[in-house]
Amino acid sequence: MLAGHNDCSVSSSPERRQRFESLASLVFDPLQRYLRRRLDPEDASDVLSETLLVVWRRLDEVPKDNPLPWCYGVARRAAANQRRSRRRQLRLVERIERERPTPNVEPGFDDPVLEAAFDGLSESDRELLRLWAWEGLEPREIATVLGLTVNATTLRLSRARKKLAAEMTRQDPIAAGQKTVRHTKEQQQ
C-alpha cells in the first residue's frame, strides 16, 4: 500500500479523531441542507459521505477559524463529480439500449393458450418456471437464486409445472372438453 493512502490507520490519533468529530458535528447539517437543495436525496447522501471522507483525509488542510466555506467547496466539487458520473452512466445506458436489440420480455409465448396459462399462475410459480425453462437453471441453482433448499425447490418446481399444465388445459376449450359452436353462416361456408 502506498504511504498516506491508509489514512484511517496512519494518523488516527485520538486528537485527530476528536477534531474530526467536532468538525463533522459543526458542518454536517449545513452541508446536508446545501446538498439536498442541489441533488436528489440519495445522491445528496452519497455526496455528503464523500465530502466527509475528503474532510477526514485532508483534515490538516481544513481552516480552523472558519471551516464551513472550505467544506462547501469540497461538497460542491463532489456534487459536480456526482453529476458528471450520473450523466456518463445515463449516456452509457442509452448507448447500450440503442445498440442492443430489445429482447422479448416474456420469451416463448408464441402460443396464446400458454401465455394465458402462465399469467394465471402466482408470481412465485412464474419465477420458478422462468428460472427453470428460460434461464435453463437446475433445481440446485434455482435454490441458490431463491434462497431455498434443493428439496423445497424441486417440490415447488414440480407443483408449478403441474399447475401450468392444469391452467393450459383450463385455457384450451377443446382440451377442457368443450365443443366449438359455430354460427349458422359459418356452418354454410
Protein backbone atom coordinates (compact mmCIF):
# COMPACT_ATOMS: atom_id res chain seq x y z
CA MET A 1 0.00 0.00 0.00
CA LEU A 2 1.22 3.49 -0.80
CA ALA A 3 2.19 5.74 2.06
CA GLY A 4 -0.61 8.06 3.10
CA HIS A 5 -3.39 6.06 1.43
CA ASN A 6 -4.48 4.25 4.54
CA ASP A 7 -5.50 7.45 6.29
CA CYS A 8 -7.58 5.71 8.94
CA SER A 9 -4.65 3.81 10.43
CA VAL A 10 -1.74 6.12 9.57
CA SER A 11 -2.86 9.10 11.59
CA SER A 12 -5.88 8.10 13.61
CA SER A 13 -4.78 9.62 16.86
CA PRO A 14 -7.41 10.39 19.49
CA GLU A 15 -6.82 14.13 18.96
CA ARG A 16 -7.33 13.81 15.20
CA ARG A 17 -10.47 11.76 15.69
CA GLN A 18 -11.81 14.27 18.23
CA ARG A 19 -11.08 17.19 15.89
CA PHE A 20 -12.84 15.42 13.01
CA GLU A 21 -15.87 14.55 15.12
CA SER A 22 -16.12 18.12 16.34
CA LEU A 23 -15.77 19.46 12.81
CA ALA A 24 -18.27 16.93 11.42
CA SER A 25 -20.88 17.87 14.02
CA LEU A 26 -20.39 21.54 13.07
CA VAL A 27 -20.66 21.12 9.28
CA PHE A 28 -22.94 18.09 8.89
CA ASP A 29 -26.32 19.83 8.93
CA PRO A 30 -25.31 22.83 6.76
CA LEU A 31 -23.66 20.51 4.21
CA GLN A 32 -26.68 18.23 4.18
CA ARG A 33 -29.03 21.17 3.50
CA TYR A 34 -26.65 22.50 0.83
CA LEU A 35 -26.54 19.16 -0.98
CA ARG A 36 -30.25 18.37 -0.67
CA ARG A 37 -31.08 21.66 -2.37
CA ARG A 38 -28.90 20.65 -5.30
CA LEU A 39 -29.27 16.87 -5.65
CA ASP A 40 -31.87 14.17 -5.18
CA PRO A 41 -31.90 12.71 -1.63
CA GLU A 42 -29.97 9.54 -2.48
CA ASP A 43 -27.23 11.38 -4.36
CA ALA A 44 -27.09 14.05 -1.65
CA SER A 45 -26.47 11.37 0.96
CA ASP A 46 -23.72 9.78 -1.13
CA VAL A 47 -22.05 13.13 -1.79
CA LEU A 48 -22.25 14.06 1.89
CA SER A 49 -20.45 10.82 2.76
CA GLU A 50 -17.82 11.51 0.10
CA THR A 51 -17.40 15.07 1.40
CA LEU A 52 -16.86 13.90 4.96
CA LEU A 53 -14.34 11.32 3.74
CA VAL A 54 -12.38 14.08 1.99
CA VAL A 55 -12.58 16.20 5.13
CA TRP A 56 -11.15 13.29 7.14
CA ARG A 57 -8.36 12.68 4.64
CA ARG A 58 -7.45 16.36 4.37
CA LEU A 59 -8.20 17.32 7.96
CA ASP A 60 -4.88 19.15 8.32
CA GLU A 61 -5.84 21.45 5.40
CA VAL A 62 -9.23 22.43 6.84
CA PRO A 63 -9.10 26.01 8.14
CA LYS A 64 -9.51 26.07 11.90
CA ASP A 65 -11.13 29.50 12.16
CA ASN A 66 -13.94 29.13 9.58
CA PRO A 67 -14.12 25.58 8.15
CA LEU A 68 -17.62 25.66 6.64
CA PRO A 69 -16.79 27.55 3.40
CA TRP A 70 -13.87 25.16 2.78
CA CYS A 71 -16.24 22.19 3.35
CA TYR A 72 -18.81 23.76 1.00
CA GLY A 73 -16.10 23.85 -1.66
CA VAL A 74 -15.38 20.15 -1.14
CA ALA A 75 -19.12 19.37 -1.29
CA ARG A 76 -19.52 21.48 -4.42
CA ARG A 77 -16.74 19.59 -6.23
CA ALA A 78 -18.06 16.22 -5.00
CA ALA A 79 -21.56 17.14 -6.25
CA ALA A 80 -20.15 18.13 -9.63
CA ASN A 81 -18.33 14.80 -9.81
CA GLN A 82 -21.57 13.01 -8.92
CA ARG A 83 -23.48 14.84 -11.66
CA ARG A 84 -20.79 14.05 -14.25
CA SER A 85 -20.78 10.43 -13.16
CA ARG A 86 -24.59 10.26 -13.39
CA ARG A 87 -24.55 11.82 -16.89
CA ARG A 88 -21.88 9.35 -18.07
CA GLN A 89 -23.88 6.48 -16.63
CA LEU A 90 -27.08 7.64 -18.37
CA ARG A 91 -25.27 8.11 -21.69
CA LEU A 92 -23.82 4.61 -21.40
CA VAL A 93 -27.23 3.10 -20.68
CA GLU A 94 -28.74 5.00 -23.62
CA ARG A 95 -25.95 3.83 -25.92
CA ILE A 96 -26.35 0.21 -24.82
CA GLU A 97 -30.11 0.42 -25.35
CA ARG A 98 -29.63 1.83 -28.86
CA GLU A 99 -27.00 -0.73 -29.86
CA ARG A 100 -28.62 -3.79 -28.36
CA PRO A 101 -31.86 -5.24 -29.68
CA THR A 102 -34.53 -5.32 -27.03
CA PRO A 103 -35.19 -8.93 -26.09
CA ASN A 104 -38.72 -10.20 -25.76
CA VAL A 105 -39.65 -9.62 -22.13
CA GLU A 106 -41.61 -12.89 -21.92
CA PRO A 107 -39.86 -15.27 -24.36
CA GLY A 108 -41.57 -18.39 -25.58
CA PHE A 109 -45.13 -17.09 -25.81
CA ASP A 110 -45.95 -17.87 -29.40
CA ASP A 111 -48.94 -19.76 -28.02
CA PRO A 112 -51.76 -17.62 -26.55
CA VAL A 113 -53.00 -20.59 -24.50
CA LEU A 114 -49.57 -20.96 -22.89
CA GLU A 115 -49.39 -17.22 -22.25
CA ALA A 116 -52.83 -17.15 -20.63
CA ALA A 117 -51.99 -20.22 -18.54
CA PHE A 118 -48.70 -18.69 -17.44
CA ASP A 119 -50.43 -15.44 -16.47
CA GLY A 120 -52.86 -17.47 -14.36
CA LEU A 121 -50.06 -18.68 -12.06
CA SER A 122 -48.79 -16.94 -8.93
CA GLU A 123 -45.70 -14.76 -9.26
CA SER A 124 -43.61 -17.25 -7.26
CA ASP A 125 -44.63 -20.11 -9.60
CA ARG A 126 -43.91 -17.96 -12.67
CA GLU A 127 -40.45 -17.07 -11.33
CA LEU A 128 -39.65 -20.73 -10.66
CA LEU A 129 -40.70 -21.66 -14.19
CA ARG A 130 -38.79 -18.75 -15.73
CA LEU A 131 -35.59 -19.75 -13.95
CA TRP A 132 -36.05 -23.38 -14.98
CA ALA A 133 -37.31 -23.01 -18.56
CA TRP A 134 -35.94 -19.70 -19.77
CA GLU A 135 -32.71 -19.41 -17.83
CA GLY A 136 -32.01 -23.15 -18.02
CA LEU A 137 -31.15 -23.49 -14.33
CA GLU A 138 -31.13 -26.77 -12.47
CA PRO A 139 -33.13 -27.07 -9.22
CA ARG A 140 -29.95 -26.69 -7.12
CA GLU A 141 -29.14 -23.45 -8.96
CA ILE A 142 -32.71 -22.20 -8.60
CA ALA A 143 -32.46 -22.98 -4.88
CA THR A 144 -29.43 -20.70 -4.66
CA VAL A 145 -31.19 -17.89 -6.52
CA LEU A 146 -34.32 -18.08 -4.37
CA GLY A 147 -32.63 -18.90 -1.06
CA LEU A 148 -34.43 -22.23 -0.71
CA THR A 149 -33.30 -25.79 -0.11
CA VAL A 150 -32.88 -28.04 -3.14
CA ASN A 151 -35.70 -30.30 -1.90
CA ALA A 152 -38.10 -27.38 -1.46
CA THR A 153 -37.18 -26.06 -4.89
CA THR A 154 -37.68 -29.43 -6.55
CA LEU A 155 -41.08 -29.83 -4.89
CA ARG A 156 -42.20 -26.28 -5.75
CA LEU A 157 -40.99 -26.65 -9.34
CA SER A 158 -42.92 -29.90 -9.73
CA ARG A 159 -46.06 -28.27 -8.36
CA ALA A 160 -45.62 -25.21 -10.58
CA ARG A 161 -45.29 -27.41 -13.67
CA LYS A 162 -48.46 -29.29 -12.72
CA LYS A 163 -50.31 -26.01 -12.12
CA LEU A 164 -49.18 -24.75 -15.54
CA ALA A 165 -50.39 -27.94 -17.22
CA ALA A 166 -53.74 -27.66 -15.42
CA GLU A 167 -54.05 -23.98 -16.41
CA MET A 168 -53.27 -24.84 -20.03
CA THR A 169 -55.99 -27.49 -20.01
CA ARG A 170 -58.39 -24.99 -18.48
CA GLN A 171 -57.44 -22.32 -21.06
CA ASP A 172 -57.80 -24.66 -24.07
CA PRO A 173 -61.54 -25.20 -24.68
CA ILE A 174 -61.02 -28.39 -26.72
CA ALA A 175 -58.72 -29.94 -24.08
CA ALA A 176 -61.26 -28.95 -21.44
CA GLY A 177 -63.94 -30.96 -23.29
CA GLN A 178 -65.85 -28.02 -24.71
CA LYS A 179 -67.14 -28.02 -28.27
CA THR A 180 -66.70 -25.06 -30.54
CA VAL A 181 -70.15 -23.82 -31.58
CA ARG A 182 -70.39 -22.11 -34.94
CA HIS A 183 -72.99 -19.69 -36.11
CA THR A 184 -75.31 -20.67 -38.97
CA LYS A 185 -73.48 -18.52 -41.53
CA GLU A 186 -70.13 -20.13 -40.59
CA GLN A 187 -71.63 -23.63 -40.99
CA GLN A 188 -72.87 -22.84 -44.52
CA GLN A 189 -69.44 -21.72 -45.72
